[in-house]
Amino acid sequence: MLKVFNTDNQDTFKLKALHWANTFTSACYFDSNHYSDPYSAFDVLIGAGAKKEISNYGQDSFSKLKEFLKSEAGYIPGFFSYDLKNEIENLRSKNPDHLKFPDIHFFLPEHLLIISGNIIKIYSDNPDSVWQSVNNFNIHNSGSTHLKPVIKSRFTREEYIHTVEEIQKHIQRGDIYEINFCQEFYAENVQIDPLELFIRLNNLSPTPFANFFRLNDLYIISATPERFLSRKKNKLISQPIKGTTSRNANRKIDEIQKEQLLNDEKERAENVMIVDLVRNDLTKSAKQGSVRVEELFGIYSFKQVHQLISTIVCEAREDLSNADIIANTFPMGSMTGAPKIRAMQLADQYERSKRGIYSGAVGYFSPDGDFDFNVVIRTILYNSSLNYLSFHTGSAITLDSDPVKEYEECVLKGKAITKVLSQS
C-alpha cells in the first residue's frame, strides 16, 4: 500500500527514519545529499525489514537474481560484490576474505520510504503506523564509548611504491595499459557504532551516492561519489571517475587546482582509457550504434576532492534482463583497468586481500524496470560479529604514474574516513 505524506523538515525526518530503519536487521539508506543529478529519482530512499531476500555465495548469482526479480514486484535494494567477476569471467581470487559478506544480496523491504523535497512516499502494509513510528522516534546517543580503531595497512609505504614499480613493468611489456591497484586499511578487535559513524562520515563528506546498508551484523558505510550504472526507461548511463585532486580552503588556490586537474594530460589519458573500456562494456547491452559519450572530462567538486567524471550512455537492448545488463558491464571499468580481464588478474596477483564489497556496487531495482547502482569506494565495511573493520583505497597506475604520488592519492582518498575513525 502506498500513502503520501508531507514533512516540514526533510533533514529531521530523514535522520529519524535512518535511526528507525537501523532497528531492523535488514535496512538500507540511500542519500543524494541535495546534489543536482538529472538521473536521480529521489532525494532519499530507505528500506526497512525484509519480506523476502536473496543471498548467494559462489555460483549462479546473476541467474538467481534474475529469477528473484521476476518473482517479486516492488523496490528491491541490494549489493554486488566485486568478486562476482569470478563468475562472469574465468578468474579466481586467492587472497583472504576477512569480512565474509555474501557475493550478492537483495531484499524486498517490508517498509519503503522515498523522500523527494517535503514529499514522503511510504510503501507498507500500514503506512500510517510507519509515519507515526518515524516521527515519534527518539534519537538518543547510546552513551557507549569506543576506543579509536588502530588502523593498519596491508602495505607499508615502501612496499606499495615497490609494487607499483613492479606493475609498471607489466605495462612496459604490453600486458596492460592501466590498472586500478588497491590497498586495504583495516582494524581488528574493534567495536564501533556503524550508524553514528555513517552520520559523521556523511556530514564530513556528503556525496551524491552515499549509502548505509545493514544485513544482520554486516554493515556498508559509504560516502561514494561515483555512479556505476543506471537505467532510466530504455537509457543506460555509466559515469566513471578517473582523475582526482585535493580541495583547498583558499578559494583562488582551489580554483587553480581544479583547472590543473582539468588540463592534466595524465589524468585525461586515464579518463579516456576507462571511457573506451566502458563504451566497450556497454556495447554488449546496447542497441547497435547507440553508445555515445554524453560528457567527457566533466569536472565535479565534492567536499574533499575535485574529480574528472565522464558520462557514457546507450539504448538498452530489449531482449536482455536487468541482471544480464549488469553482468555485461560488471565490475565497473574505473575499478579494473584495461584490458579488463588481464588487469583483474594482475590486481589479484599484487593485492593482498579480497576486495569483497569494495569496488562492487550498491543500489536498487525499481518496480518500473529502472535501476541505479553506485561504485563502492570511499567506504567503510564492518563485520560486528568478527569486530573487523576495513576500507580500501586505490589509484590508476599507468606507465607515466609516479609511485609516490599514487600512494599520496590513496591517502587523500581515505582522508575523510581516517578522520571520522579518529573521532571514535
Protein backbone atom coordinates (compact mmCIF):
# COMPACT_ATOMS: atom_id res chain seq x y z
CA MET A 1 0.00 0.00 0.00
CA LEU A 2 1.26 3.48 -0.88
CA LYS A 3 0.43 6.61 1.07
CA VAL A 4 1.85 10.11 0.60
CA PHE A 5 2.72 12.44 3.49
CA ASN A 6 4.27 15.90 3.86
CA THR A 7 7.01 16.98 6.23
CA ASP A 8 8.02 20.47 7.31
CA ASN A 9 11.65 19.44 7.80
CA GLN A 10 13.21 16.92 5.44
CA ASP A 11 16.55 16.73 7.27
CA THR A 12 14.97 15.93 10.65
CA PHE A 13 12.60 13.37 9.14
CA LYS A 14 15.29 11.53 7.19
CA LEU A 15 17.57 11.38 10.26
CA LYS A 16 14.77 9.89 12.36
CA ALA A 17 13.89 7.50 9.54
CA LEU A 18 17.52 6.37 9.28
CA HIS A 19 17.67 5.60 13.01
CA TRP A 20 14.29 3.86 12.85
CA ALA A 21 15.35 1.70 9.87
CA ASN A 22 18.51 0.63 11.71
CA THR A 23 16.35 -1.13 14.34
CA PHE A 24 15.65 -3.78 11.65
CA THR A 25 18.23 -6.44 10.80
CA SER A 26 17.78 -5.63 7.09
CA ALA A 27 17.99 -1.94 6.24
CA CYS A 28 19.26 0.42 3.58
CA TYR A 29 19.53 4.19 3.24
CA PHE A 30 20.46 5.99 0.00
CA ASP A 31 21.05 9.76 0.15
CA SER A 32 21.78 12.06 -2.81
CA ASN A 33 22.73 14.84 -0.37
CA HIS A 34 20.98 17.51 -2.47
CA TYR A 35 23.41 17.14 -5.39
CA SER A 36 21.96 18.13 -8.74
CA ASP A 37 21.73 14.97 -10.83
CA PRO A 38 19.47 14.61 -13.89
CA TYR A 39 19.38 10.84 -13.44
CA SER A 40 18.48 10.67 -9.76
CA ALA A 41 14.92 9.59 -8.94
CA PHE A 42 14.69 10.90 -5.36
CA ASP A 43 16.49 12.67 -2.53
CA VAL A 44 16.46 9.70 -0.14
CA LEU A 45 15.35 6.06 -0.31
CA ILE A 46 15.01 3.99 2.86
CA GLY A 47 14.17 0.28 3.14
CA ALA A 48 13.50 -1.50 6.44
CA GLY A 49 12.76 -5.13 7.16
CA ALA A 50 12.81 -7.96 4.62
CA LYS A 51 9.67 -9.64 3.30
CA LYS A 52 11.83 -11.77 1.02
CA GLU A 53 15.54 -11.80 0.30
CA ILE A 54 18.25 -13.50 -1.70
CA SER A 55 21.86 -14.00 -0.61
CA ASN A 56 24.37 -16.02 -2.56
CA TYR A 57 27.94 -17.19 -2.08
CA GLY A 58 29.63 -18.69 -5.11
CA GLN A 59 27.73 -19.88 -8.16
CA ASP A 60 24.89 -18.70 -10.43
CA SER A 61 24.39 -15.40 -8.62
CA PHE A 62 23.06 -13.49 -11.64
CA SER A 63 20.66 -16.24 -12.73
CA LYS A 64 19.30 -16.44 -9.16
CA LEU A 65 18.91 -12.66 -9.11
CA LYS A 66 17.10 -12.77 -12.46
CA GLU A 67 14.56 -15.23 -11.03
CA PHE A 68 14.17 -13.17 -7.85
CA LEU A 69 13.45 -10.02 -9.86
CA LYS A 70 10.90 -11.91 -11.98
CA SER A 71 9.05 -13.22 -8.92
CA GLU A 72 9.00 -10.06 -6.79
CA ALA A 73 7.37 -6.70 -7.55
CA GLY A 74 8.49 -3.51 -5.87
CA TYR A 75 11.65 -1.62 -5.00
CA ILE A 76 14.44 -4.14 -4.42
CA PRO A 77 17.68 -2.77 -2.91
CA GLY A 78 20.89 -4.73 -2.55
CA PHE A 79 24.55 -5.09 -3.41
CA PHE A 80 27.03 -6.85 -5.70
CA SER A 81 30.48 -7.96 -4.53
CA TYR A 82 33.48 -7.25 -6.74
CA ASP A 83 34.32 -10.97 -6.58
CA LEU A 84 31.36 -11.77 -8.82
CA LYS A 85 33.97 -11.22 -11.52
CA ASN A 86 34.96 -14.85 -10.88
CA GLU A 87 31.50 -15.97 -12.05
CA ILE A 88 31.44 -13.68 -15.08
CA GLU A 89 34.97 -14.41 -16.30
CA ASN A 90 37.36 -17.35 -15.87
CA LEU A 91 39.05 -15.76 -12.86
CA ARG A 92 40.00 -16.81 -9.34
CA SER A 93 40.87 -14.92 -6.15
CA LYS A 94 43.38 -16.48 -3.80
CA ASN A 95 43.58 -13.54 -1.40
CA PRO A 96 41.97 -13.86 2.06
CA ASP A 97 38.46 -12.57 2.78
CA HIS A 98 38.31 -11.06 6.27
CA LEU A 99 34.79 -9.60 6.08
CA LYS A 100 32.61 -12.54 4.95
CA PHE A 101 29.96 -10.61 3.01
CA PRO A 102 27.86 -12.61 0.51
CA ASP A 103 28.66 -12.15 -3.17
CA ILE A 104 25.17 -10.83 -3.79
CA HIS A 105 22.29 -9.76 -1.56
CA PHE A 106 18.92 -8.21 -2.40
CA PHE A 107 15.72 -7.86 -0.41
CA LEU A 108 12.10 -6.81 -0.81
CA PRO A 109 11.53 -4.36 2.07
CA GLU A 110 8.61 -4.60 4.48
CA HIS A 111 8.59 -0.81 4.57
CA LEU A 112 9.99 1.54 1.93
CA LEU A 113 10.19 5.34 2.14
CA ILE A 114 11.02 7.68 -0.72
CA ILE A 115 11.74 11.31 0.14
CA SER A 116 11.61 14.00 -2.56
CA GLY A 117 11.68 17.51 -1.13
CA ASN A 118 8.99 17.62 1.55
CA ILE A 119 7.00 14.77 -0.02
CA ILE A 120 7.27 11.38 1.71
CA LYS A 121 6.00 8.27 -0.08
CA ILE A 122 5.60 5.27 2.21
CA TYR A 123 5.07 1.77 0.80
CA SER A 124 3.96 -0.55 3.59
CA ASP A 125 1.08 -2.73 4.79
CA ASN A 126 0.46 0.05 7.32
CA PRO A 127 1.89 3.39 6.11
CA ASP A 128 0.23 5.38 8.92
CA SER A 129 1.99 3.27 11.54
CA VAL A 130 5.35 3.80 9.82
CA TRP A 131 4.74 7.55 9.60
CA GLN A 132 3.96 7.72 13.31
CA SER A 133 6.86 5.46 14.29
CA VAL A 134 9.38 7.58 12.41
CA ASN A 135 8.05 10.92 13.66
CA ASN A 136 7.90 9.65 17.25
CA PHE A 137 11.35 8.06 17.12
CA ASN A 138 13.56 9.33 19.92
CA ILE A 139 17.14 9.77 18.73
CA HIS A 140 19.46 9.44 21.65
CA ASN A 141 23.17 8.84 21.97
CA SER A 142 23.89 5.33 23.16
CA GLY A 143 26.34 6.79 25.69
CA SER A 144 28.79 3.99 24.97
CA THR A 145 32.41 4.90 24.43
CA HIS A 146 34.58 3.11 21.91
CA LEU A 147 38.32 3.13 21.61
CA LYS A 148 39.71 4.65 18.43
CA PRO A 149 40.45 1.85 15.95
CA VAL A 150 44.12 1.14 15.34
CA ILE A 151 44.29 1.34 11.55
CA LYS A 152 46.83 -0.86 9.79
CA SER A 153 47.61 -1.30 6.11
CA ARG A 154 48.36 -4.43 4.11
CA PHE A 155 51.25 -2.45 2.57
CA THR A 156 53.89 -0.21 4.05
CA ARG A 157 54.57 2.94 2.06
CA GLU A 158 57.75 1.37 0.68
CA GLU A 159 56.01 -1.89 -0.22
CA TYR A 160 53.26 -0.02 -2.04
CA ILE A 161 55.77 2.02 -4.07
CA HIS A 162 57.77 -1.11 -4.94
CA THR A 163 54.60 -2.93 -6.03
CA VAL A 164 53.60 -0.05 -8.31
CA GLU A 165 57.04 -0.25 -9.90
CA GLU A 166 56.53 -3.99 -10.48
CA ILE A 167 53.12 -3.33 -12.04
CA GLN A 168 54.68 -0.74 -14.35
CA LYS A 169 56.96 -3.49 -15.70
CA HIS A 170 53.83 -5.29 -16.89
CA ILE A 171 52.74 -2.09 -18.62
CA GLN A 172 56.16 -1.76 -20.27
CA ARG A 173 55.80 -5.34 -21.56
CA GLY A 174 52.37 -4.52 -23.00
CA ASP A 175 50.36 -6.79 -20.66
CA ILE A 176 48.06 -3.88 -19.73
CA TYR A 177 47.71 -0.15 -20.34
CA GLU A 178 46.25 0.77 -16.97
CA ILE A 179 45.28 -0.91 -13.71
CA ASN A 180 43.39 0.20 -10.63
CA PHE A 181 45.64 -1.03 -7.84
CA CYS A 182 44.09 -1.02 -4.38
CA GLN A 183 45.24 -1.48 -0.82
CA GLU A 184 43.26 -2.41 2.27
CA PHE A 185 43.35 -0.50 5.55
CA TYR A 186 41.87 -2.43 8.44
CA ALA A 187 41.33 -2.66 12.19
CA GLU A 188 40.84 -5.83 14.24
CA ASN A 189 39.06 -6.33 17.57
CA VAL A 190 37.20 -3.07 17.09
CA GLN A 191 33.72 -2.09 18.25
CA ILE A 192 32.01 0.87 16.62
CA ASP A 193 28.51 2.27 16.26
CA PRO A 194 28.05 1.83 12.48
CA LEU A 195 25.13 4.24 12.24
CA GLU A 196 26.84 7.06 14.12
CA LEU A 197 29.94 6.50 12.01
CA PHE A 198 27.88 6.82 8.82
CA ILE A 199 26.24 10.02 10.03
CA ARG A 200 29.63 11.58 10.82
CA LEU A 201 31.10 10.45 7.50
CA ASN A 202 28.11 11.75 5.55
CA ASN A 203 28.33 15.11 7.32
CA LEU A 204 32.07 15.38 6.71
CA SER A 205 31.98 14.12 3.14
CA PRO A 206 28.49 14.36 1.62
CA THR A 207 28.31 12.71 -1.81
CA PRO A 208 25.53 12.00 -4.33
CA PHE A 209 25.57 8.22 -3.84
CA ALA A 210 26.04 7.95 -0.08
CA ASN A 211 24.55 4.86 1.48
CA PHE A 212 24.18 2.92 4.72
CA PHE A 213 23.35 -0.78 4.41
CA ARG A 214 22.74 -3.28 7.18
CA LEU A 215 22.49 -7.05 6.73
CA ASN A 216 22.38 -8.54 10.22
CA ASP A 217 25.90 -8.00 11.56
CA LEU A 218 27.34 -6.74 8.25
CA TYR A 219 27.46 -3.01 7.51
CA ILE A 220 28.27 -0.84 4.48
CA ILE A 221 29.07 2.76 5.45
CA SER A 222 29.65 4.68 2.24
CA ALA A 223 30.43 8.19 1.02
CA THR A 224 30.91 7.24 -2.61
CA PRO A 225 30.68 9.93 -5.31
CA GLU A 226 30.56 7.51 -8.27
CA ARG A 227 27.70 6.02 -10.27
CA PHE A 228 28.33 2.59 -11.77
CA LEU A 229 25.25 2.09 -13.92
CA SER A 230 21.74 3.46 -14.05
CA ARG A 231 18.72 2.69 -16.20
CA LYS A 232 16.09 5.31 -16.96
CA LYS A 233 13.41 3.76 -19.20
CA ASN A 234 15.47 2.47 -22.13
CA LYS A 235 18.57 4.58 -21.46
CA LEU A 236 21.66 3.16 -19.72
CA ILE A 237 24.03 5.62 -18.03
CA SER A 238 27.54 4.96 -16.73
CA GLN A 239 29.68 7.67 -15.09
CA PRO A 240 33.24 6.52 -14.38
CA ILE A 241 35.56 8.67 -12.29
CA LYS A 242 39.22 8.95 -13.24
CA GLY A 243 41.18 11.98 -12.10
CA THR A 244 41.42 13.35 -8.57
CA THR A 245 42.90 16.36 -6.82
CA SER A 246 42.50 17.77 -3.32
CA ARG A 247 40.40 20.78 -2.30
CA ASN A 248 41.93 23.91 -0.77
CA ALA A 249 40.36 26.26 1.77
CA ASN A 250 41.76 29.20 -0.21
CA ARG A 251 39.24 29.83 -2.99
CA LYS A 252 41.79 31.06 -5.55
CA ILE A 253 44.13 28.12 -4.93
CA ASP A 254 41.16 25.73 -5.05
CA GLU A 255 40.18 27.07 -8.49
CA ILE A 256 43.77 26.73 -9.70
CA GLN A 257 43.89 23.10 -8.54
CA LYS A 258 40.59 22.46 -10.27
CA GLU A 259 41.90 23.94 -13.53
CA GLN A 260 45.14 21.97 -13.23
CA LEU A 261 43.17 18.75 -12.89
CA LEU A 262 41.09 19.55 -15.95
CA ASN A 263 44.22 20.15 -18.03
CA ASP A 264 46.42 17.37 -16.59
CA GLU A 265 47.40 15.18 -19.57
CA LYS A 266 48.00 12.09 -17.42
CA GLU A 267 44.61 12.35 -15.69
CA ARG A 268 42.84 12.97 -19.01
CA ALA A 269 44.59 9.97 -20.58
CA GLU A 270 43.47 7.74 -17.67
CA ASN A 271 39.92 9.00 -18.06
CA VAL A 272 39.88 8.35 -21.81
CA MET A 273 41.15 4.77 -21.34
CA ILE A 274 38.29 4.00 -18.96
CA VAL A 275 35.73 5.75 -21.17
CA ASP A 276 36.79 3.46 -24.01
CA LEU A 277 36.52 0.43 -21.73
CA VAL A 278 33.03 1.42 -20.56
CA ARG A 279 31.94 2.05 -24.15
CA ASN A 280 33.06 -1.47 -25.00
CA ASP A 281 31.22 -2.93 -21.98
CA LEU A 282 28.01 -1.09 -22.89
CA THR A 283 28.05 -2.40 -26.47
CA LYS A 284 27.19 -5.86 -25.06
CA SER A 285 23.83 -4.48 -23.88
CA ALA A 286 23.25 -1.66 -26.37
CA LYS A 287 21.18 -1.31 -29.49
CA GLN A 288 23.58 -1.14 -32.39
CA GLY A 289 25.12 2.31 -32.87
CA SER A 290 23.55 3.83 -29.75
CA VAL A 291 26.64 4.06 -27.49
CA ARG A 292 27.86 7.63 -27.14
CA VAL A 293 29.85 9.84 -24.78
CA GLU A 294 27.42 12.38 -23.33
CA GLU A 295 30.09 14.27 -21.35
CA LEU A 296 33.86 13.92 -21.46
CA PHE A 297 36.07 15.29 -18.65
CA GLY A 298 33.25 16.78 -16.62
CA ILE A 299 34.79 18.31 -13.51
CA TYR A 300 32.81 17.84 -10.30
CA SER A 301 33.62 19.25 -6.88
CA PHE A 302 32.97 17.44 -3.62
CA LYS A 303 33.78 18.48 -0.08
CA GLN A 304 37.13 16.65 -0.01
CA VAL A 305 38.20 16.44 -3.68
CA HIS A 306 37.69 17.60 -7.27
CA GLN A 307 37.16 14.73 -9.76
CA LEU A 308 37.02 14.16 -13.51
CA ILE A 309 33.81 12.32 -14.42
CA SER A 310 32.71 11.24 -17.88
CA THR A 311 29.21 10.12 -18.85
CA ILE A 312 28.62 7.31 -21.36
CA VAL A 313 25.09 6.36 -22.44
CA CYS A 314 23.30 3.96 -24.76
CA GLU A 315 19.89 2.48 -25.56
CA ALA A 316 19.34 -0.90 -23.91
CA ARG A 317 18.58 -3.97 -25.99
CA GLU A 318 15.04 -5.19 -25.36
CA ASP A 319 15.97 -8.90 -25.21
CA LEU A 320 18.17 -8.53 -22.10
CA SER A 321 17.07 -8.60 -18.48
CA ASN A 322 18.43 -6.06 -16.00
CA ALA A 323 20.53 -8.81 -14.39
CA ASP A 324 22.06 -9.56 -17.83
CA ILE A 325 22.83 -5.87 -18.42
CA ILE A 326 24.64 -5.51 -15.10
CA ALA A 327 26.59 -8.75 -15.63
CA ASN A 328 27.68 -7.44 -19.06
CA THR A 329 29.32 -4.38 -17.51
CA PHE A 330 30.48 -5.75 -14.14
CA PRO A 331 32.84 -4.96 -12.49
CA MET A 332 32.98 -1.30 -13.47
CA GLY A 333 35.90 -0.28 -15.66
CA SER A 334 37.06 2.51 -13.36
CA MET A 335 37.96 -0.12 -10.73
CA THR A 336 39.66 -2.63 -13.02
CA GLY A 337 41.83 -1.31 -15.83
CA ALA A 338 42.50 -2.10 -19.46
CA PRO A 339 42.47 -4.67 -20.92
CA LYS A 340 39.91 -5.56 -18.28
CA ILE A 341 40.48 -9.29 -17.69
CA ARG A 342 44.27 -9.10 -17.56
CA ALA A 343 44.05 -6.07 -15.25
CA MET A 344 41.81 -8.03 -12.87
CA GLN A 345 44.24 -10.97 -12.92
CA LEU A 346 47.16 -8.71 -12.01
CA ALA A 347 45.14 -6.93 -9.32
CA ASP A 348 44.54 -10.29 -7.65
CA GLN A 349 48.23 -11.10 -8.01
CA TYR A 350 49.53 -7.93 -6.37
CA GLU A 351 46.80 -7.01 -3.89
CA ARG A 352 46.88 -8.73 -0.51
CA SER A 353 43.22 -9.19 0.41
CA LYS A 354 39.94 -9.76 -1.39
CA ARG A 355 38.12 -6.58 -2.27
CA GLY A 356 34.74 -8.08 -1.47
CA ILE A 357 32.09 -5.34 -1.47
CA TYR A 358 34.74 -2.68 -2.14
CA SER A 359 34.61 -1.75 -5.84
CA GLY A 360 31.37 -3.67 -6.10
CA ALA A 361 28.05 -1.83 -6.24
CA VAL A 362 25.10 -0.93 -4.01
CA GLY A 363 21.76 0.29 -5.32
CA TYR A 364 18.22 -0.72 -6.16
CA PHE A 365 15.85 -2.02 -8.82
CA SER A 366 12.55 -0.13 -9.09
CA PRO A 367 9.15 -1.62 -9.99
CA ASP A 368 9.05 0.21 -13.35
CA GLY A 369 12.18 -1.61 -14.56
CA ASP A 370 14.67 1.18 -13.83
CA PHE A 371 17.72 0.75 -11.60
CA ASP A 372 20.58 2.78 -10.16
CA PHE A 373 23.85 1.47 -8.67
CA ASN A 374 26.88 3.23 -7.27
CA VAL A 375 30.55 2.18 -7.14
CA VAL A 376 31.62 1.15 -3.64
CA ILE A 377 34.55 3.48 -2.98
CA ARG A 378 35.22 5.85 -0.03
CA THR A 379 33.50 3.18 2.05
CA ILE A 380 33.92 1.51 5.44
CA LEU A 381 32.93 -2.16 5.67
CA TYR A 382 32.30 -3.65 9.09
CA ASN A 383 31.56 -7.13 10.43
CA SER A 384 30.33 -6.59 14.00
CA SER A 385 30.41 -10.29 14.92
CA LEU A 386 34.07 -10.55 13.91
CA ASN A 387 34.85 -7.00 15.14
CA TYR A 388 36.65 -6.40 11.84
CA LEU A 389 36.64 -3.03 10.05
CA SER A 390 38.03 -2.38 6.59
CA PHE A 391 38.34 0.26 3.91
CA HIS A 392 40.26 0.22 0.64
CA THR A 393 41.66 2.98 -1.49
CA GLY A 394 43.12 2.70 -4.96
CA SER A 395 44.55 4.65 -7.84
CA ALA A 396 45.01 4.20 -11.57
CA ILE A 397 48.52 3.04 -12.45
CA THR A 398 49.87 3.83 -15.90
CA LEU A 399 53.36 3.97 -17.36
CA ASP A 400 53.52 7.69 -16.52
CA SER A 401 52.47 7.21 -12.89
CA ASP A 402 54.74 8.47 -10.13
CA PRO A 403 54.53 5.71 -7.46
CA VAL A 404 54.99 8.22 -4.62
CA LYS A 405 52.17 10.42 -5.91
CA GLU A 406 49.92 7.37 -6.37
CA TYR A 407 50.50 6.48 -2.71
CA GLU A 408 49.65 10.04 -1.71
CA GLU A 409 46.45 9.85 -3.78
CA CYS A 410 45.42 6.72 -1.86
CA VAL A 411 45.95 8.57 1.41
CA LEU A 412 43.95 11.56 0.12
CA LYS A 413 41.02 9.32 -0.87
CA GLY A 414 40.93 7.84 2.62
CA LYS A 415 41.23 11.20 4.38
CA ALA A 416 37.56 11.61 5.35
CA ILE A 417 37.35 8.02 6.59
CA THR A 418 40.51 8.22 8.72
CA LYS A 419 39.25 11.49 10.16
CA VAL A 420 35.90 10.09 11.30
CA LEU A 421 37.55 6.96 12.66
CA SER A 422 39.96 9.09 14.68
CA GLN A 423 36.92 10.67 16.38
CA SER A 424 35.52 7.30 17.56
